[in-house]
Protein backbone atom coordinates (compact mmCIF):
# COMPACT_ATOMS: atom_id res chain seq x y z
CA UNK A 1 104.13 100.90 66.21
CA UNK A 2 101.76 103.80 65.63
CA UNK A 3 102.13 106.72 68.01
CA UNK A 4 98.36 106.61 68.36
CA UNK A 5 98.80 103.50 70.48
CA UNK A 6 101.35 105.16 72.76
CA UNK A 7 98.78 107.15 74.72
CA UNK A 8 100.77 107.66 77.91
CA UNK A 9 104.31 107.97 76.53
CA UNK A 10 103.21 110.69 74.09
CA UNK A 11 102.24 112.91 77.03
CA UNK A 12 105.91 113.05 77.99
CA UNK A 13 107.45 113.07 74.51
CA UNK A 14 109.00 116.51 74.96
CA UNK A 15 110.60 115.36 78.21
CA UNK A 16 112.70 112.79 76.34
CA UNK A 17 114.73 115.67 74.88
CA UNK A 18 115.78 116.90 78.33
CA UNK A 19 118.42 114.21 78.66
CA UNK A 20 121.87 115.62 77.76
CA UNK A 21 123.47 112.12 77.62
CA UNK A 22 126.13 113.33 80.05
CA UNK A 23 125.98 110.11 82.05
CA UNK A 24 125.91 111.70 85.49
CA UNK A 25 123.01 109.38 86.31
CA UNK A 26 125.28 106.36 85.94
CA UNK A 27 127.22 107.39 89.05
CA UNK A 28 124.14 107.27 91.30
CA UNK A 29 121.80 104.71 89.71
CA UNK A 30 121.67 101.70 92.07
CA UNK A 31 120.82 99.33 89.21
CA UNK A 32 123.64 100.52 86.94
CA UNK A 33 126.14 100.38 89.80
CA UNK A 34 125.51 96.65 90.05
CA UNK A 35 124.99 95.64 86.40
CA UNK A 36 126.91 98.25 84.35
CA UNK A 37 124.39 97.87 81.50
CA UNK A 38 123.43 101.02 79.62
CA UNK A 39 119.76 100.04 79.42
CA UNK A 40 119.70 99.92 83.20
CA UNK A 41 120.46 103.62 83.72
CA UNK A 42 118.20 106.62 83.11
CA UNK A 43 120.08 107.70 79.98
CA UNK A 44 119.63 104.25 78.47
CA UNK A 45 115.96 104.02 79.40
CA UNK A 46 115.36 107.45 77.90
CA UNK A 47 116.87 106.24 74.61
CA UNK A 48 114.67 103.14 74.69
CA UNK A 49 111.55 105.27 75.08
CA UNK A 50 112.68 107.56 72.25
CA UNK A 51 113.21 104.52 70.03
CA UNK A 52 109.67 103.33 70.78
CA UNK A 53 108.29 106.77 69.90
CA UNK A 54 110.28 106.76 66.66
CA UNK A 55 108.90 103.34 65.71
CA UNK A 56 112.32 101.70 65.97
CA UNK A 57 111.35 99.44 68.89
CA UNK A 58 108.21 97.47 69.65
CA UNK A 59 106.60 97.12 73.05
CA UNK A 60 107.76 93.61 73.94
CA UNK A 61 108.37 91.52 77.05
CA UNK A 62 112.11 92.07 76.66
CA UNK A 63 111.59 95.82 76.68
CA UNK A 64 109.25 95.47 79.65
CA UNK A 65 111.98 93.67 81.59
CA UNK A 66 114.26 96.67 81.05
CA UNK A 67 111.66 99.25 82.00
CA UNK A 68 110.60 97.36 85.13
CA UNK A 69 114.23 97.20 86.28
CA UNK A 70 114.11 100.58 88.01
CA UNK A 71 113.65 101.26 91.74
CA UNK A 72 112.17 104.73 90.99
CA UNK A 73 114.59 106.18 93.55
CA UNK A 74 114.87 109.43 91.55
CA UNK A 75 118.61 109.71 92.23
CA UNK A 76 119.06 110.18 88.48
CA UNK A 77 116.83 113.27 88.40
CA UNK A 78 118.46 114.71 91.52
CA UNK A 79 121.90 114.43 89.87
CA UNK A 80 120.88 115.41 86.33
CA UNK A 81 121.98 118.95 85.31
CA UNK A 82 118.79 119.27 83.21
CA UNK A 83 116.61 117.59 85.87
CA UNK A 84 115.27 115.06 83.36
CA UNK A 85 112.53 113.07 85.07
CA UNK A 86 113.13 109.75 83.36
CA UNK A 87 111.30 107.73 86.06
CA UNK A 88 108.06 109.41 84.91
CA UNK A 89 108.76 108.31 81.35
CA UNK A 90 109.27 104.80 82.68
CA UNK A 91 105.89 104.81 84.46
CA UNK A 92 104.17 106.07 81.30
CA UNK A 93 105.92 103.42 79.19
CA UNK A 94 104.84 100.71 81.63
CA UNK A 95 101.24 101.87 81.19
CA UNK A 96 101.44 101.59 77.40
CA UNK A 97 103.09 98.19 77.74
CA UNK A 98 100.21 96.97 79.89
CA UNK A 99 97.59 98.33 77.49
CA UNK A 100 99.32 96.59 74.55
CA UNK A 101 100.65 93.30 75.89
CA UNK A 102 98.95 92.99 79.27
CA UNK A 103 100.27 92.07 82.70
CA UNK A 104 102.17 88.93 83.49
CA UNK A 105 100.55 86.32 85.69
CA UNK A 106 99.90 86.64 88.61
CA UNK A 107 100.20 90.45 88.69
CA UNK A 108 97.00 91.09 86.74
CA UNK A 109 95.08 88.87 89.14
CA UNK A 110 96.64 90.50 92.21
CA UNK A 111 96.11 94.09 91.02
CA UNK A 112 92.61 93.74 89.61
CA UNK A 113 91.02 91.35 92.09
CA UNK A 114 92.95 91.65 95.36
CA UNK A 115 94.72 94.99 95.86
CA UNK A 116 91.72 96.85 94.43
CA UNK A 117 89.26 94.93 96.62
CA UNK A 118 89.86 95.59 100.33
CA UNK A 119 87.32 93.02 101.53
CA UNK A 120 88.84 90.29 99.38
CA UNK A 121 92.33 91.27 100.48
CA UNK A 122 91.26 91.20 104.12
CA UNK A 123 89.85 87.68 103.79
CA UNK A 124 92.99 86.40 102.06
CA UNK A 125 95.29 88.01 104.61
CA UNK A 126 93.28 86.55 107.49
CA UNK A 127 93.63 83.08 105.98
CA UNK A 128 97.33 83.63 105.27
CA UNK A 129 97.98 84.76 108.85
CA UNK A 130 96.86 81.31 110.02
CA UNK A 131 98.81 79.54 107.27
CA UNK A 132 102.09 81.37 108.04
CA UNK A 133 102.26 80.09 111.61
CA UNK A 134 102.06 76.50 110.36
CA UNK A 135 104.87 76.46 107.81
CA UNK A 136 106.91 79.66 108.17
CA UNK A 137 109.07 79.99 111.31
CA UNK A 138 109.18 83.45 112.87
CA UNK A 139 112.54 85.14 113.35
CA UNK A 140 112.37 88.47 115.20
CA UNK A 141 108.57 88.59 115.35
CA UNK A 142 108.19 90.85 112.33
CA UNK A 143 109.59 88.67 109.59
CA UNK A 144 109.47 84.99 108.72
CA UNK A 145 111.56 82.57 106.71
CA UNK A 146 109.93 80.89 103.74
CA UNK A 147 110.00 77.09 104.00
CA UNK A 148 112.65 75.33 101.92
CA UNK A 149 110.21 74.17 99.25
CA UNK A 150 109.09 77.77 98.61
CA UNK A 151 112.33 79.65 99.25
CA UNK A 152 113.13 79.75 95.55
CA UNK A 153 110.28 82.21 95.06
CA UNK A 154 112.05 84.80 97.22
CA UNK A 155 115.68 83.68 96.88
CA UNK A 156 115.67 82.76 100.57
CA UNK A 157 114.54 86.20 101.72
CA UNK A 158 112.57 86.86 104.86
CA UNK A 159 109.01 88.11 104.44
CA UNK A 160 106.83 90.18 106.82
CA UNK A 161 104.73 88.46 109.46
CA UNK A 162 101.01 89.13 109.12
CA UNK A 163 99.13 90.54 112.10
CA UNK A 164 96.41 88.47 113.75
CA UNK A 165 93.96 91.38 113.45
CA UNK A 166 93.94 94.25 110.93
CA UNK A 167 94.17 97.82 112.17
CA UNK A 168 90.51 98.58 111.41
CA UNK A 169 89.47 95.96 113.96
CA UNK A 170 91.64 97.57 116.65
CA UNK A 171 90.46 101.17 116.49
CA UNK A 172 87.17 103.05 116.05
CA UNK A 173 86.51 104.87 112.79
CA UNK A 174 86.58 108.28 114.49
CA UNK A 175 88.92 109.11 117.39
CA UNK A 176 88.58 112.50 119.09
CA UNK A 177 90.81 114.20 121.66
CA UNK A 178 89.60 113.56 125.22
CA UNK A 179 89.39 117.29 125.94
CA UNK A 180 89.52 120.61 124.13
CA UNK A 181 88.62 121.55 120.59
CA UNK A 182 90.53 119.66 117.88
CA UNK A 183 93.02 121.81 115.99
CA UNK A 184 92.25 119.93 112.77
CA UNK A 185 90.48 116.84 111.41
CA UNK A 186 92.62 114.36 109.48
CA UNK A 187 92.00 111.13 107.65
CA UNK A 188 94.51 108.44 108.56
CA UNK A 189 95.59 106.45 105.53
CA UNK A 190 96.80 103.14 106.92
CA UNK A 191 98.22 101.58 103.77
CA UNK A 192 98.42 97.83 103.29
CA UNK A 193 101.35 97.27 105.66
CA UNK A 194 100.05 99.15 108.69
CA UNK A 195 96.62 97.66 108.06
CA UNK A 196 97.65 94.02 107.82
CA UNK A 197 101.26 93.68 108.99
CA UNK A 198 102.13 96.45 111.49
CA UNK A 199 98.89 97.73 113.04
CA UNK A 200 100.83 98.66 116.19
CA UNK A 201 102.46 101.49 114.23
CA UNK A 202 99.07 102.76 113.10
CA UNK A 203 97.86 102.69 116.71
CA UNK A 204 100.96 104.60 117.87
CA UNK A 205 100.44 107.25 115.22
CA UNK A 206 96.74 107.68 115.93
CA UNK A 207 97.40 107.92 119.68
CA UNK A 208 100.15 110.51 119.17
CA UNK A 209 97.95 112.63 116.90
CA UNK A 210 94.97 112.52 119.27
CA UNK A 211 97.17 113.49 122.24
CA UNK A 212 98.19 116.54 120.21
CA UNK A 213 94.54 117.57 119.75
CA UNK A 214 93.96 116.14 116.28
CA UNK A 215 90.68 114.46 115.43
CA UNK A 216 91.47 111.29 113.49
CA UNK A 217 89.16 109.58 111.03
CA UNK A 218 90.09 106.16 109.68
CA UNK A 219 87.60 105.58 106.84
CA UNK A 220 86.65 101.95 106.42
CA UNK A 221 86.15 102.54 102.70
CA UNK A 222 89.84 103.26 102.11
CA UNK A 223 91.93 100.73 100.22
CA UNK A 224 95.40 100.22 98.79
CA UNK A 225 97.14 103.42 97.66
CA UNK A 226 97.74 101.83 94.26
CA UNK A 227 101.51 102.36 94.12
CA UNK A 228 102.14 98.77 93.06
CA UNK A 229 99.22 98.89 90.65
CA UNK A 230 99.87 102.01 88.57
CA UNK A 231 103.38 103.25 89.45
CA UNK A 232 105.06 99.87 89.64
CA UNK A 233 102.78 97.79 87.43
CA UNK A 234 101.54 100.35 84.89
CA UNK A 235 97.89 99.27 85.29
CA UNK A 236 96.26 102.69 85.00
CA UNK A 237 92.75 101.30 84.54
CA UNK A 238 92.77 99.56 87.91
CA UNK A 239 94.71 102.46 89.37
CA UNK A 240 91.82 104.81 88.59
CA UNK A 241 89.37 102.53 90.36
CA UNK A 242 91.60 102.53 93.44
CA UNK A 243 92.07 106.30 93.27
CA UNK A 244 88.34 107.00 92.87
CA UNK A 245 87.59 104.90 95.95
CA UNK A 246 90.22 106.58 98.13
CA UNK A 247 89.32 110.10 97.02
CA UNK A 248 85.69 109.47 97.96
CA UNK A 249 86.64 107.90 101.29
CA UNK A 250 88.63 110.95 102.41
CA UNK A 251 86.30 113.64 101.14
CA UNK A 252 85.42 115.17 104.53
CA UNK A 253 88.85 115.78 106.14
CA UNK A 254 91.37 118.62 106.24
CA UNK A 255 94.40 116.42 105.62
CA UNK A 256 95.19 112.85 104.59
CA UNK A 257 98.07 111.61 106.75
CA UNK A 258 100.03 108.39 106.32
CA UNK A 259 103.12 106.78 107.89
CA UNK A 260 104.09 105.19 104.59
CA UNK A 261 106.31 107.29 102.30
CA UNK A 262 105.36 105.15 99.30
CA UNK A 263 101.65 105.60 99.99
CA UNK A 264 102.04 109.36 100.36
CA UNK A 265 103.91 109.51 97.05
CA UNK A 266 101.31 107.39 95.23
CA UNK A 267 98.39 109.42 96.58
CA UNK A 268 100.06 112.64 95.41
CA UNK A 269 100.63 111.16 91.94
CA UNK A 270 96.94 110.51 91.20
CA UNK A 271 96.56 113.79 89.24
CA UNK A 272 99.74 113.30 87.21
CA UNK A 273 99.12 109.79 85.92
CA UNK A 274 95.48 108.86 86.44
CA UNK A 275 93.42 111.99 85.76
CA UNK A 276 91.90 111.10 82.37
CA UNK A 277 88.85 113.40 82.61
CA UNK A 278 88.35 116.99 83.83
CA UNK A 279 86.23 115.68 86.70
CA UNK A 280 88.93 113.29 87.85
CA UNK A 281 91.58 115.97 87.45
CA UNK A 282 89.70 118.35 89.73
CA UNK A 283 88.98 115.68 92.36
CA UNK A 284 92.49 114.22 92.30
CA UNK A 285 94.21 117.62 92.53
CA UNK A 286 92.04 118.60 95.51
CA UNK A 287 92.76 115.26 97.20
CA UNK A 288 96.52 115.31 96.52
CA UNK A 289 96.75 118.77 98.06
CA UNK A 290 95.64 117.29 101.39
CA UNK A 291 98.21 114.47 101.48
CA UNK A 292 101.04 114.63 104.02
CA UNK A 293 103.49 112.09 105.31
CA UNK A 294 103.41 111.89 109.11
CA UNK A 295 106.75 113.67 109.45
CA UNK A 296 105.54 116.52 107.23
CA UNK A 297 102.30 116.82 109.15
CA UNK A 298 103.91 116.90 112.59
CA UNK A 299 106.58 119.45 111.66
CA UNK A 300 105.13 121.55 108.84
CA UNK A 301 101.43 121.58 109.73
CA UNK A 302 101.17 121.11 113.51
CA UNK A 303 104.55 122.82 114.04
CA UNK A 304 105.10 120.82 117.21
CA UNK A 305 107.89 121.94 119.58
CA UNK A 306 110.75 119.62 120.47
CA UNK A 307 109.14 118.97 123.86
CA UNK A 308 106.20 117.23 122.13
CA UNK A 309 108.46 114.39 121.02
CA UNK A 310 108.97 112.40 124.19
CA UNK A 311 111.32 109.44 124.06
CA UNK A 312 109.90 105.95 124.38
CA UNK A 313 111.52 103.96 127.21
CA UNK A 314 112.33 101.33 124.57
CA UNK A 315 114.96 103.56 122.97
CA UNK A 316 116.32 105.60 125.87
CA UNK A 317 120.10 105.57 125.92
CA UNK A 318 120.26 104.18 122.38
CA UNK A 319 122.29 105.35 119.39
CA UNK A 320 120.03 106.08 116.43
CA UNK A 321 120.71 106.44 112.73
CA UNK A 322 118.33 107.34 109.90
CA UNK A 323 117.66 105.82 106.47
CA UNK A 324 116.06 108.24 103.99
CA UNK A 325 113.29 106.47 102.05
CA UNK A 326 113.55 107.56 98.41
CA UNK A 327 109.83 108.33 98.26
CA UNK A 328 110.08 110.55 101.33
CA UNK A 329 113.33 112.31 100.52
CA UNK A 330 113.34 112.80 96.74
CA UNK A 331 109.68 112.42 95.75
CA UNK A 332 108.13 114.31 98.68
CA UNK A 333 111.10 116.53 99.56
CA UNK A 334 110.96 115.67 103.28
CA UNK A 335 114.59 115.37 104.38
CA UNK A 336 114.87 117.60 107.44
CA UNK A 337 111.54 116.85 109.11
CA UNK A 338 112.43 113.35 110.36
CA UNK A 339 115.85 114.57 111.50
CA UNK A 340 114.20 117.38 113.45
CA UNK A 341 112.09 114.80 115.28
CA UNK A 342 115.06 112.51 115.94
CA UNK A 343 117.17 115.37 117.29
CA UNK A 344 114.32 116.25 119.66
CA UNK A 345 114.45 112.90 121.44
CA UNK A 346 116.16 113.24 124.82
CA UNK A 347 118.51 110.59 126.16
CA UNK A 348 119.32 109.29 122.69
CA UNK A 349 122.21 109.96 120.32
CA UNK A 350 121.56 110.59 116.64
CA UNK A 351 124.35 109.54 114.26
CA UNK A 352 124.11 110.60 110.63
CA UNK A 353 124.61 107.64 108.32
CA UNK A 354 126.97 107.93 105.32
CA UNK A 355 124.94 107.78 102.13
CA UNK A 356 121.73 107.89 104.16
CA UNK A 357 119.77 108.69 100.99
CA UNK A 358 121.13 105.77 98.96
CA UNK A 359 118.31 103.51 97.78
CA UNK A 360 117.94 100.38 99.91
CA UNK A 361 116.91 98.30 96.87
CA UNK A 362 113.30 97.63 97.86
CA UNK A 363 111.46 99.53 95.12
CA UNK A 364 108.19 97.65 95.66
CA UNK A 365 107.61 95.38 92.67
CA UNK A 366 111.27 95.82 91.71
CA UNK A 367 112.38 93.58 94.59
CA UNK A 368 109.91 90.88 93.54
CA UNK A 369 110.98 90.89 89.90
CA UNK A 370 114.69 91.25 90.66
CA UNK A 371 115.33 89.66 94.08
CA UNK A 372 119.05 89.03 93.61
CA UNK A 373 119.69 92.55 92.34
CA UNK A 374 117.60 93.96 95.18
CA UNK A 375 119.75 92.08 97.69
CA UNK A 376 122.99 93.41 96.15
CA UNK A 377 121.73 96.99 96.32
CA UNK A 378 120.59 96.41 99.90
CA UNK A 379 124.00 95.07 100.91
CA UNK A 380 125.54 98.50 100.29
CA UNK A 381 122.97 100.09 102.59
CA UNK A 382 123.77 97.51 105.27
CA UNK A 383 127.44 98.52 105.07
CA UNK A 384 126.48 102.15 105.66
CA UNK A 385 124.34 101.22 108.65
CA UNK A 386 127.03 99.06 110.18
CA UNK A 387 129.60 101.85 109.88
CA UNK A 388 127.58 104.05 112.26
CA UNK A 389 127.69 101.46 115.07
CA UNK A 390 124.16 102.60 115.92
CA UNK A 391 121.81 100.42 117.94
CA UNK A 392 118.73 101.26 115.90
CA UNK A 393 118.22 102.27 112.28
CA UNK A 394 115.09 104.35 111.92
CA UNK A 395 113.01 104.87 108.80
CA UNK A 396 109.51 105.92 107.78
CA UNK A 397 108.59 103.55 104.98
CA UNK A 398 107.36 100.00 105.65
CA UNK A 399 108.95 98.66 102.46
CA UNK A 400 112.34 100.06 103.42
CA UNK A 401 111.91 98.73 106.94
CA UNK A 402 111.46 95.13 105.83
CA UNK A 403 114.24 95.41 103.26
CA UNK A 404 116.61 96.61 105.98
CA UNK A 405 115.50 93.90 108.42
CA UNK A 406 116.18 91.28 105.76
CA UNK A 407 119.56 92.75 104.79
CA UNK A 408 120.81 93.18 108.35
CA UNK A 409 119.65 89.67 109.19
CA UNK A 410 121.51 88.22 106.22
CA UNK A 411 124.68 90.02 107.26
CA UNK A 412 124.16 88.99 110.91
CA UNK A 413 124.33 92.60 112.05
CA UNK A 414 122.98 93.58 115.50
CA UNK A 415 120.99 96.68 114.53
CA UNK A 416 117.25 96.81 115.11
CA UNK A 417 115.04 98.49 112.49
CA UNK A 418 112.18 100.68 113.73
CA UNK A 419 109.59 103.02 112.32
CA UNK A 420 110.03 106.60 113.52
CA UNK A 421 106.66 106.60 115.31
CA UNK A 422 107.78 103.65 117.47
CA UNK A 423 110.40 105.89 119.09
CA UNK A 424 107.85 108.31 120.49
CA UNK A 425 106.55 107.92 124.03
């Protein structure tokens, strides 16, 4: 295949030479640890991309299957002596695959007509919220079992319950502190999960921010962050449409704050992968510079004292442990901020989990394409959680949260899974 057709991979061609072929990545790659196949580890994927660049391999569905079998946990880069960022090569290769052979059904339909269209998505979710109560029994209120005739689609996994009302119908667009001058004005990026599945977490976050003298704007024009679209799916064309919409929606704020580690990562990656013109580059860079995960904003920007983090009565006297979302820990570099908040909570006990930063196996689209592998990876995380004997495992990524709920439920473990903001009174 002509290099002229490899538009995105060619941007990272020099990066393919960073890999020293030492194999350190094989010791930490969650996919390789389960399958022991060279093409599943960063070193192997790097060689596949090099072969495509050299014209030795074609962009085929078989190759796509290999390149989509990556959770993007970045453990390989963290361990690599040369810090080779193979996951970025994988994203670029996915983009060239999509431009050459297209997206599989139904992903093209979902990305281009649902995730990129908030109104359409809202209508479909509203209809689905009625449908779920008819055929999918609820378990702990946040997840549901698929009925037997559909369970093959998810390998028997539990899926999130949809909220009766989306977040935007539960809060005004602008929320100001009741007294005093706001210290800053932020745009709250809800993400798809807090918008349609867990609006109570969005309400908790907004309330906490306002009580700490932050003016919160929740733009109605915001949409999906696009992580599934361009990072997971490789659809850069639709990704740019999503990015343009979000950048415009948050134009008039000091910061863009989100509870979702995956959303924060995707929003920060707009300049790297989607900026195809100087105008987009300038707009995306300016926007990405405003993005903060909630834990980063509370600790690094507001610099709140420990006394600001009051303990919710729901968790008083409980033993807590923490799961590091890969997007928060390795992509955003926020490892200590959530621990600082947890250690501030009075009348609780924080227990550090062994291998707290091990990928839980969610990986967005990865878990849909590889459900059995995702479950195996998640089982190791469940073992780590169980070893702490904690009452509650806390995290700050909705995807991780539902993966952990599913895994703990499968193993019949007693731990409850909560978002960090739910612990705050």
